[in-house]
Amino acid sequence: MLRILFVYKQADPLSDYLLSQLKDVKTDKKTVLVATALEKSPEYIEKYDLNYNHTLMITNFHGTELYRLEGPFNKEDIAGIIQKLKEAKKA
């Protein structure tokens, strides 16, 4: 199982675009998407050592970070990352 955590700054106009890109990513039933604004979850800044307004983290079922992307992205970027992580797991 993969967990995609997207933490964003609520007032940033880029956040709406990035959220729409995430929602367009085709995932299976074993992938969970969690999106939260920094303003609603300020504890994430320290917990996940966040240094950027738009941070996307992919973790496994146990919470181990597998991939981190800081900054703008699109649905193709995320789909490619998920595919690579799943292929690596099979190997």
PDB file of N, CA and C in Angstrom:
ATOM      1  N   MET A   1       0.838  -1.180   0.000  1.00  0.00           N
ATOM      2  CA  MET A   1       0.000   0.000   0.000  1.00  0.00           C
ATOM      3  C   MET A   1       0.881   1.241   0.000  1.00  0.00           C
ATOM      4  N   LEU A   2       0.484   2.232  -0.787  1.00  0.00           N
ATOM      5  CA  LEU A   2       1.185   3.502  -0.817  1.00  0.00           C
ATOM      6  C   LEU A   2       0.271   4.587  -0.261  1.00  0.00           C
ATOM      7  N   ARG A   3       0.876   5.517   0.451  1.00  0.00           N
ATOM      8  CA  ARG A   3       0.147   6.677   0.968  1.00  0.00           C
ATOM      9  C   ARG A   3       0.791   7.911   0.367  1.00  0.00           C
ATOM     10  N   ILE A   4      -0.016   8.717  -0.287  1.00  0.00           N
ATOM     11  CA  ILE A   4       0.470   9.967  -0.861  1.00  0.00           C
ATOM     12  C   ILE A   4      -0.019  11.094   0.038  1.00  0.00           C
ATOM     13  N   LEU A   5       0.914  11.805   0.639  1.00  0.00           N
ATOM     14  CA  LEU A   5       0.590  12.931   1.505  1.00  0.00           C
ATOM     15  C   LEU A   5       1.011  14.210   0.808  1.00  0.00           C
ATOM     16  N   PHE A   6       0.060  15.095   0.578  1.00  0.00           N
ATOM     17  CA  PHE A   6       0.346  16.387  -0.030  1.00  0.00           C
ATOM     18  C   PHE A   6       0.033  17.466   0.983  1.00  0.00           C
ATOM     19  N   VAL A   7       1.049  18.233   1.359  1.00  0.00           N
ATOM     20  CA  VAL A   7       0.894  19.334   2.305  1.00  0.00           C
ATOM     21  C   VAL A   7       1.138  20.622   1.531  1.00  0.00           C
ATOM     22  N   TYR A   8       0.194  21.542   1.628  1.00  0.00           N
ATOM     23  CA  TYR A   8       0.248  22.759   0.820  1.00  0.00           C
ATOM     24  C   TYR A   8      -0.136  23.979   1.647  1.00  0.00           C
ATOM     25  N   LYS A   9       0.204  25.142   1.125  1.00  0.00           N
ATOM     26  CA  LYS A   9      -0.183  26.400   1.759  1.00  0.00           C
ATOM     27  C   LYS A   9      -1.526  26.820   1.171  1.00  0.00           C
ATOM     28  N   GLN A  10      -2.495  26.991   2.015  1.00  0.00           N
ATOM     29  CA  GLN A  10      -3.867  27.239   1.595  1.00  0.00           C
ATOM     30  C   GLN A  10      -4.014  28.501   0.745  1.00  0.00           C
ATOM     31  N   ALA A  11      -3.330  29.553   1.077  1.00  0.00           N
ATOM     32  CA  ALA A  11      -3.502  30.836   0.390  1.00  0.00           C
ATOM     33  C   ALA A  11      -2.746  30.924  -0.938  1.00  0.00           C
ATOM     34  N   ASP A  12      -1.977  29.929  -1.269  1.00  0.00           N
ATOM     35  CA  ASP A  12      -1.178  29.954  -2.494  1.00  0.00           C
ATOM     36  C   ASP A  12      -2.037  29.526  -3.682  1.00  0.00           C
ATOM     37  N   PRO A  13      -2.126  30.364  -4.729  1.00  0.00           N
ATOM     38  CA  PRO A  13      -2.960  30.022  -5.886  1.00  0.00           C
ATOM     39  C   PRO A  13      -2.505  28.756  -6.606  1.00  0.00           C
ATOM     40  N   LEU A  14      -1.255  28.391  -6.481  1.00  0.00           N
ATOM     41  CA  LEU A  14      -0.747  27.180  -7.116  1.00  0.00           C
ATOM     42  C   LEU A  14      -1.329  25.913  -6.475  1.00  0.00           C
ATOM     43  N   SER A  15      -1.762  26.002  -5.244  1.00  0.00           N
ATOM     44  CA  SER A  15      -2.287  24.839  -4.524  1.00  0.00           C
ATOM     45  C   SER A  15      -3.492  24.220  -5.219  1.00  0.00           C
ATOM     46  N   ASP A  16      -4.407  25.039  -5.718  1.00  0.00           N
ATOM     47  CA  ASP A  16      -5.588  24.503  -6.408  1.00  0.00           C
ATOM     48  C   ASP A  16      -5.200  23.689  -7.630  1.00  0.00           C
ATOM     49  N   TYR A  17      -4.228  24.197  -8.392  1.00  0.00           N
ATOM     50  CA  TYR A  17      -3.767  23.464  -9.569  1.00  0.00           C
ATOM     51  C   TYR A  17      -3.140  22.130  -9.166  1.00  0.00           C
ATOM     52  N   LEU A  18      -2.280  22.154  -8.167  1.00  0.00           N
ATOM     53  CA  LEU A  18      -1.605  20.931  -7.742  1.00  0.00           C
ATOM     54  C   LEU A  18      -2.599  19.906  -7.189  1.00  0.00           C
ATOM     55  N   LEU A  19      -3.598  20.369  -6.448  1.00  0.00           N
ATOM     56  CA  LEU A  19      -4.631  19.460  -5.950  1.00  0.00           C
ATOM     57  C   LEU A  19      -5.396  18.814  -7.101  1.00  0.00           C
ATOM     58  N   SER A  20      -5.713  19.596  -8.128  1.00  0.00           N
ATOM     59  CA  SER A  20      -6.425  19.022  -9.278  1.00  0.00           C
ATOM     60  C   SER A  20      -5.553  18.004 -10.003  1.00  0.00           C
ATOM     61  N   GLN A  21      -4.258  18.258 -10.080  1.00  0.00           N
ATOM     62  CA  GLN A  21      -3.344  17.302 -10.715  1.00  0.00           C
ATOM     63  C   GLN A  21      -3.301  15.996  -9.925  1.00  0.00           C
ATOM     64  N   LEU A  22      -3.267  16.101  -8.616  1.00  0.00           N
ATOM     65  CA  LEU A  22      -3.252  14.899  -7.772  1.00  0.00           C
ATOM     66  C   LEU A  22      -4.532  14.084  -7.939  1.00  0.00           C
ATOM     67  N   LYS A  23      -5.657  14.756  -7.981  1.00  0.00           N
ATOM     68  CA  LYS A  23      -6.939  14.062  -8.112  1.00  0.00           C
ATOM     69  C   LYS A  23      -7.082  13.372  -9.459  1.00  0.00           C
ATOM     70  N   ASP A  24      -6.348  13.834 -10.465  1.00  0.00           N
ATOM     71  CA  ASP A  24      -6.400  13.233 -11.802  1.00  0.00           C
ATOM     72  C   ASP A  24      -5.488  12.023 -11.955  1.00  0.00           C
ATOM     73  N   VAL A  25      -4.627  11.775 -10.979  1.00  0.00           N
ATOM     74  CA  VAL A  25      -3.710  10.638 -11.060  1.00  0.00           C
ATOM     75  C   VAL A  25      -4.508   9.349 -10.876  1.00  0.00           C
ATOM     76  N   LYS A  26      -4.311   8.421 -11.787  1.00  0.00           N
ATOM     77  CA  LYS A  26      -4.992   7.127 -11.705  1.00  0.00           C
ATOM     78  C   LYS A  26      -4.258   6.260 -10.695  1.00  0.00           C
ATOM     79  N   THR A  27      -4.966   5.859  -9.652  1.00  0.00           N
ATOM     80  CA  THR A  27      -4.368   5.004  -8.632  1.00  0.00           C
ATOM     81  C   THR A  27      -5.230   3.768  -8.439  1.00  0.00           C
ATOM     82  N   ASP A  28      -4.664   2.773  -7.790  1.00  0.00           N
ATOM     83  CA  ASP A  28      -5.426   1.569  -7.493  1.00  0.00           C
ATOM     84  C   ASP A  28      -5.973   1.649  -6.067  1.00  0.00           C
ATOM     85  N   LYS A  29      -6.631   0.598  -5.651  1.00  0.00           N
ATOM     86  CA  LYS A  29      -7.253   0.584  -4.322  1.00  0.00           C
ATOM     87  C   LYS A  29      -6.229   0.535  -3.197  1.00  0.00           C
ATOM     88  N   LYS A  30      -4.964   0.267  -3.533  1.00  0.00           N
ATOM     89  CA  LYS A  30      -3.922   0.176  -2.517  1.00  0.00           C
ATOM     90  C   LYS A  30      -3.167   1.492  -2.333  1.00  0.00           C
ATOM     91  N   THR A  31      -3.632   2.550  -2.984  1.00  0.00           N
ATOM     92  CA  THR A  31      -2.990   3.853  -2.871  1.00  0.00           C
ATOM     93  C   THR A  31      -3.973   4.836  -2.244  1.00  0.00           C
ATOM     94  N   VAL A  32      -3.538   5.492  -1.184  1.00  0.00           N
ATOM     95  CA  VAL A  32      -4.382   6.431  -0.441  1.00  0.00           C
ATOM     96  C   VAL A  32      -3.818   7.833  -0.610  1.00  0.00           C
ATOM     97  N   LEU A  33      -4.682   8.786  -0.928  1.00  0.00           N
ATOM     98  CA  LEU A  33      -4.290  10.184  -1.063  1.00  0.00           C
ATOM     99  C   LEU A  33      -4.794  10.980   0.136  1.00  0.00           C
ATOM    100  N   VAL A  34      -3.862  11.700   0.774  1.00  0.00           N
ATOM    101  CA  VAL A  34      -4.209  12.581   1.887  1.00  0.00           C
ATOM    102  C   VAL A  34      -3.656  13.960   1.535  1.00  0.00           C
ATOM    103  N   ALA A  35      -4.533  14.956   1.521  1.00  0.00           N
ATOM    104  CA  ALA A  35      -4.108  16.330   1.245  1.00  0.00           C
ATOM    105  C   ALA A  35      -4.548  17.207   2.400  1.00  0.00           C
ATOM    106  N   THR A  36      -3.631  18.040   2.879  1.00  0.00           N
ATOM    107  CA  THR A  36      -3.964  18.924   4.002  1.00  0.00           C
ATOM    108  C   THR A  36      -3.208  20.239   3.871  1.00  0.00           C
ATOM    109  N   ALA A  37      -3.840  21.291   4.332  1.00  0.00           N
ATOM    110  CA  ALA A  37      -3.213  22.611   4.321  1.00  0.00           C
ATOM    111  C   ALA A  37      -2.324  22.763   5.552  1.00  0.00           C
ATOM    112  N   LEU A  38      -1.199  23.430   5.374  1.00  0.00           N
ATOM    113  CA  LEU A  38      -0.292  23.695   6.504  1.00  0.00           C
ATOM    114  C   LEU A  38      -1.013  24.428   7.619  1.00  0.00           C
ATOM    115  N   GLU A  39      -1.934  25.314   7.246  1.00  0.00           N
ATOM    116  CA  GLU A  39      -2.654  26.092   8.249  1.00  0.00           C
ATOM    117  C   GLU A  39      -3.538  25.203   9.131  1.00  0.00           C
ATOM    118  N   LYS A  40      -3.989  24.084   8.583  1.00  0.00           N
ATOM    119  CA  LYS A  40      -4.854  23.172   9.335  1.00  0.00           C
ATOM    120  C   LYS A  40      -4.053  22.136  10.115  1.00  0.00           C
ATOM    121  N   SER A  41      -2.823  21.898   9.694  1.00  0.00           N
ATOM    122  CA  SER A  41      -1.982  20.885  10.344  1.00  0.00           C
ATOM    123  C   SER A  41      -0.564  21.405  10.525  1.00  0.00           C
ATOM    124  N   PRO A  42      -0.376  22.454  11.329  1.00  0.00           N
ATOM    125  CA  PRO A  42       0.964  23.033  11.486  1.00  0.00           C
ATOM    126  C   PRO A  42       1.976  22.059  12.095  1.00  0.00           C
ATOM    127  N   GLU A  43       1.492  21.034  12.790  1.00  0.00           N
ATOM    128  CA  GLU A  43       2.413  20.050  13.377  1.00  0.00           C
ATOM    129  C   GLU A  43       3.168  19.262  12.311  1.00  0.00           C
ATOM    130  N   TYR A  44       2.657  19.244  11.081  1.00  0.00           N
ATOM    131  CA  TYR A  44       3.333  18.527   9.999  1.00  0.00           C
ATOM    132  C   TYR A  44       4.676  19.163   9.642  1.00  0.00           C
ATOM    133  N   ILE A  45       4.822  20.466   9.879  1.00  0.00           N
ATOM    134  CA  ILE A  45       6.073  21.157   9.548  1.00  0.00           C
ATOM    135  C   ILE A  45       7.235  20.490  10.258  1.00  0.00           C
ATOM    136  N   GLU A  46       7.097  20.274  11.552  1.00  0.00           N
ATOM    137  CA  GLU A  46       8.168  19.634  12.321  1.00  0.00           C
ATOM    138  C   GLU A  46       8.175  18.114  12.103  1.00  0.00           C
ATOM    139  N   LYS A  47       7.007  17.512  12.135  1.00  0.00           N
ATOM    140  CA  LYS A  47       6.912  16.054  12.021  1.00  0.00           C
ATOM    141  C   LYS A  47       7.562  15.528  10.744  1.00  0.00           C
ATOM    142  N   TYR A  48       7.353  16.233   9.624  1.00  0.00           N
ATOM    143  CA  TYR A  48       7.880  15.782   8.339  1.00  0.00           C
ATOM    144  C   TYR A  48       9.032  16.642   7.828  1.00  0.00           C
ATOM    145  N   ASP A  49       9.541  17.547   8.663  1.00  0.00           N
ATOM    146  CA  ASP A  49      10.664  18.407   8.303  1.00  0.00           C
ATOM    147  C   ASP A  49      10.393  19.133   6.983  1.00  0.00           C
ATOM    148  N   LEU A  50       9.276  19.854   6.942  1.00  0.00           N
ATOM    149  CA  LEU A  50       8.863  20.547   5.725  1.00  0.00           C
ATOM    150  C   LEU A  50       9.579  21.875   5.585  1.00  0.00           C
ATOM    151  N   ASN A  51      10.114  22.115   4.393  1.00  0.00           N
ATOM    152  CA  ASN A  51      10.821  23.354   4.106  1.00  0.00           C
ATOM    153  C   ASN A  51      10.214  24.099   2.930  1.00  0.00           C
ATOM    154  N   TYR A  52       9.156  23.568   2.363  1.00  0.00           N
ATOM    155  CA  TYR A  52       8.589  24.143   1.150  1.00  0.00           C
ATOM    156  C   TYR A  52       7.072  24.142   1.252  1.00  0.00           C
ATOM    157  N   ASN A  53       6.426  25.130   0.658  1.00  0.00           N
ATOM    158  CA  ASN A  53       4.966  25.241   0.729  1.00  0.00           C
ATOM    159  C   ASN A  53       4.228  24.060   0.119  1.00  0.00           C
ATOM    160  N   HIS A  54       4.766  23.469  -0.915  1.00  0.00           N
ATOM    161  CA  HIS A  54       4.111  22.349  -1.594  1.00  0.00           C
ATOM    162  C   HIS A  54       5.020  21.132  -1.508  1.00  0.00           C
ATOM    163  N   THR A  55       4.681  20.231  -0.615  1.00  0.00           N
ATOM    164  CA  THR A  55       5.488  19.032  -0.429  1.00  0.00           C
ATOM    165  C   THR A  55       4.604  17.815  -0.613  1.00  0.00           C
ATOM    166  N   LEU A  56       5.072  16.906  -1.443  1.00  0.00           N
ATOM    167  CA  LEU A  56       4.371  15.656  -1.686  1.00  0.00           C
ATOM    168  C   LEU A  56       5.279  14.530  -1.212  1.00  0.00           C
ATOM    169  N   MET A  57       4.743  13.689  -0.329  1.00  0.00           N
ATOM    170  CA  MET A  57       5.522  12.562   0.180  1.00  0.00           C
ATOM    171  C   MET A  57       4.769  11.272  -0.105  1.00  0.00           C
ATOM    172  N   ILE A  58       5.495  10.275  -0.519  1.00  0.00           N
ATOM    173  CA  ILE A  58       4.909   8.955  -0.715  1.00  0.00           C
ATOM    174  C   ILE A  58       5.554   8.035   0.308  1.00  0.00           C
ATOM    175  N   THR A  59       4.707   7.371   1.096  1.00  0.00           N
ATOM    176  CA  THR A  59       5.190   6.465   2.126  1.00  0.00           C
ATOM    177  C   THR A  59       4.588   5.084   1.918  1.00  0.00           C
ATOM    178  N   ASN A  60       5.187   4.106   2.573  1.00  0.00           N
ATOM    179  CA  ASN A  60       4.599   2.779   2.546  1.00  0.00           C
ATOM    180  C   ASN A  60       3.584   2.659   3.680  1.00  0.00           C
ATOM    181  N   PHE A  61       3.032   1.471   3.845  1.00  0.00           N
ATOM    182  CA  PHE A  61       2.004   1.205   4.846  1.00  0.00           C
ATOM    183  C   PHE A  61       2.485   1.527   6.259  1.00  0.00           C
ATOM    184  N   HIS A  62       3.765   1.349   6.514  1.00  0.00           N
ATOM    185  CA  HIS A  62       4.325   1.568   7.845  1.00  0.00           C
ATOM    186  C   HIS A  62       4.745   3.022   8.085  1.00  0.00           C
ATOM    187  N   GLY A  63       4.620   3.869   7.074  1.00  0.00           N
ATOM    188  CA  GLY A  63       4.982   5.277   7.222  1.00  0.00           C
ATOM    189  C   GLY A  63       6.395   5.615   6.815  1.00  0.00           C
ATOM    190  N   THR A  64       7.126   4.642   6.294  1.00  0.00           N
ATOM    191  CA  THR A  64       8.488   4.893   5.832  1.00  0.00           C
ATOM    192  C   THR A  64       8.438   5.719   4.548  1.00  0.00           C
ATOM    193  N   GLU A  65       9.137   6.833   4.542  1.00  0.00           N
ATOM    194  CA  GLU A  65       9.145   7.705   3.371  1.00  0.00           C
ATOM    195  C   GLU A  65       9.895   7.034   2.226  1.00  0.00           C
ATOM    196  N   LEU A  66       9.227   6.933   1.081  1.00  0.00           N
ATOM    197  CA  LEU A  66       9.819   6.321  -0.110  1.00  0.00           C
ATOM    198  C   LEU A  66      10.244   7.371  -1.125  1.00  0.00           C
ATOM    199  N   TYR A  67       9.535   8.489  -1.132  1.00  0.00           N
ATOM    200  CA  TYR A  67       9.826   9.529  -2.112  1.00  0.00           C
ATOM    201  C   TYR A  67       9.287  10.862  -1.602  1.00  0.00           C
ATOM    202  N   ARG A  68      10.019  11.928  -1.894  1.00  0.00           N
ATOM    203  CA  ARG A  68       9.583  13.286  -1.523  1.00  0.00           C
ATOM    204  C   ARG A  68       9.791  14.190  -2.722  1.00  0.00           C
ATOM    205  N   LEU A  69       8.776  14.988  -2.984  1.00  0.00           N
ATOM    206  CA  LEU A  69       8.842  15.959  -4.071  1.00  0.00           C
ATOM    207  C   LEU A  69       8.452  17.307  -3.492  1.00  0.00           C
ATOM    208  N   GLU A  70       9.345  18.276  -3.605  1.00  0.00           N
ATOM    209  CA  GLU A  70       9.079  19.616  -3.085  1.00  0.00           C
ATOM    210  C   GLU A  70       8.967  20.571  -4.263  1.00  0.00           C
ATOM    211  N   GLY A  71       7.843  21.263  -4.334  1.00  0.00           N
ATOM    212  CA  GLY A  71       7.630  22.205  -5.428  1.00  0.00           C
ATOM    213  C   GLY A  71       6.572  21.720  -6.399  1.00  0.00           C
ATOM    214  N   PRO A  72       6.411  22.454  -7.478  1.00  0.00           N
ATOM    215  CA  PRO A  72       5.373  22.136  -8.455  1.00  0.00           C
ATOM    216  C   PRO A  72       5.566  20.759  -9.102  1.00  0.00           C
ATOM    217  N   PHE A  73       4.457  20.143  -9.485  1.00  0.00           N
ATOM    218  CA  PHE A  73       4.466  18.848 -10.160  1.00  0.00           C
ATOM    219  C   PHE A  73       3.208  18.744 -11.002  1.00  0.00           C
ATOM    220  N   ASN A  74       3.140  17.717 -11.845  1.00  0.00           N
ATOM    221  CA  ASN A  74       1.921  17.463 -12.595  1.00  0.00           C
ATOM    222  C   ASN A  74       1.548  15.991 -12.458  1.00  0.00           C
ATOM    223  N   LYS A  75       0.391  15.618 -12.987  1.00  0.00           N
ATOM    224  CA  LYS A  75      -0.100  14.256 -12.794  1.00  0.00           C
ATOM    225  C   LYS A  75       0.812  13.216 -13.429  1.00  0.00           C
ATOM    226  N   GLU A  76       1.470  13.567 -14.514  1.00  0.00           N
ATOM    227  CA  GLU A  76       2.390  12.629 -15.160  1.00  0.00           C
ATOM    228  C   GLU A  76       3.593  12.341 -14.269  1.00  0.00           C
ATOM    229  N   ASP A  77       4.103  13.369 -13.586  1.00  0.00           N
ATOM    230  CA  ASP A  77       5.217  13.178 -12.644  1.00  0.00           C
ATOM    231  C   ASP A  77       4.832  12.163 -11.568  1.00  0.00           C
ATOM    232  N   ILE A  78       3.657  12.362 -10.968  1.00  0.00           N
ATOM    233  CA  ILE A  78       3.224  11.505  -9.873  1.00  0.00           C
ATOM    234  C   ILE A  78       2.953  10.086 -10.357  1.00  0.00           C
ATOM    235  N   ALA A  79       2.282   9.956 -11.489  1.00  0.00           N
ATOM    236  CA  ALA A  79       1.992   8.626 -12.027  1.00  0.00           C
ATOM    237  C   ALA A  79       3.291   7.869 -12.301  1.00  0.00           C
ATOM    238  N   GLY A  80       4.289   8.556 -12.836  1.00  0.00           N
ATOM    239  CA  GLY A  80       5.581   7.926 -13.108  1.00  0.00           C
ATOM    240  C   GLY A  80       6.287   7.487 -11.833  1.00  0.00           C
ATOM    241  N   ILE A  81       6.237   8.302 -10.814  1.00  0.00           N
ATOM    242  CA  ILE A  81       6.867   7.967  -9.532  1.00  0.00           C
ATOM    243  C   ILE A  81       6.189   6.742  -8.917  1.00  0.00           C
ATOM    244  N   ILE A  82       4.858   6.731  -8.916  1.00  0.00           N
ATOM    245  CA  ILE A  82       4.116   5.598  -8.357  1.00  0.00           C
ATOM    246  C   ILE A  82       4.457   4.318  -9.110  1.00  0.00           C
ATOM    247  N   GLN A  83       4.514   4.396 -10.421  1.00  0.00           N
ATOM    248  CA  GLN A  83       4.836   3.219 -11.240  1.00  0.00           C
ATOM    249  C   GLN A  83       6.232   2.693 -10.898  1.00  0.00           C
ATOM    250  N   LYS A  84       7.208   3.579 -10.786  1.00  0.00           N
ATOM    251  CA  LYS A  84       8.581   3.165 -10.451  1.00  0.00           C
ATOM    252  C   LYS A  84       8.640   2.516  -9.075  1.00  0.00           C
ATOM    253  N   LEU A  85       7.922   3.073  -8.100  1.00  0.00           N
ATOM    254  CA  LEU A  85       7.923   2.501  -6.752  1.00  0.00           C
ATOM    255  C   LEU A  85       7.294   1.112  -6.752  1.00  0.00           C
ATOM    256  N   LYS A  86       6.236   0.935  -7.508  1.00  0.00           N
ATOM    257  CA  LYS A  86       5.577  -0.383  -7.570  1.00  0.00           C
ATOM    258  C   LYS A  86       6.461  -1.403  -8.282  1.00  0.00           C
ATOM    259  N   GLU A  87       7.156  -0.983  -9.328  1.00  0.00           N
ATOM    260  CA  GLU A  87       8.070  -1.881 -10.036  1.00  0.00           C
ATOM    261  C   GLU A  87       9.228  -2.274  -9.134  1.00  0.00           C
ATOM    262  N   ALA A  88       9.742  -1.328  -8.376  1.00  0.00           N
ATOM    263  CA  ALA A  88      10.851  -1.625  -7.465  1.00  0.00           C
ATOM    264  C   ALA A  88      10.421  -2.612  -6.388  1.00  0.00           C
ATOM    265  N   LYS A  89       9.182  -2.500  -5.954  1.00  0.00           N
ATOM    266  CA  LYS A  89       8.669  -3.408  -4.928  1.00  0.00           C
ATOM    267  C   LYS A  89       8.580  -4.846  -5.458  1.00  0.00           C
ATOM    268  N   LYS A  90       8.239  -4.966  -6.737  1.00  0.00           N
ATOM    269  CA  LYS A  90       8.118  -6.304  -7.350  1.00  0.00           C
ATOM    270  C   LYS A  90       9.475  -6.951  -7.551  1.00  0.00           C
ATOM    271  N   ALA A  91      10.508  -6.132  -7.742  1.00  0.00           N
ATOM    272  CA  ALA A  91      11.856  -6.661  -8.040  1.00  0.00           C
ATOM    273  C   ALA A  91      12.509  -7.284  -6.825  1.00  0.00           C
TER     274      ALA A  91
END
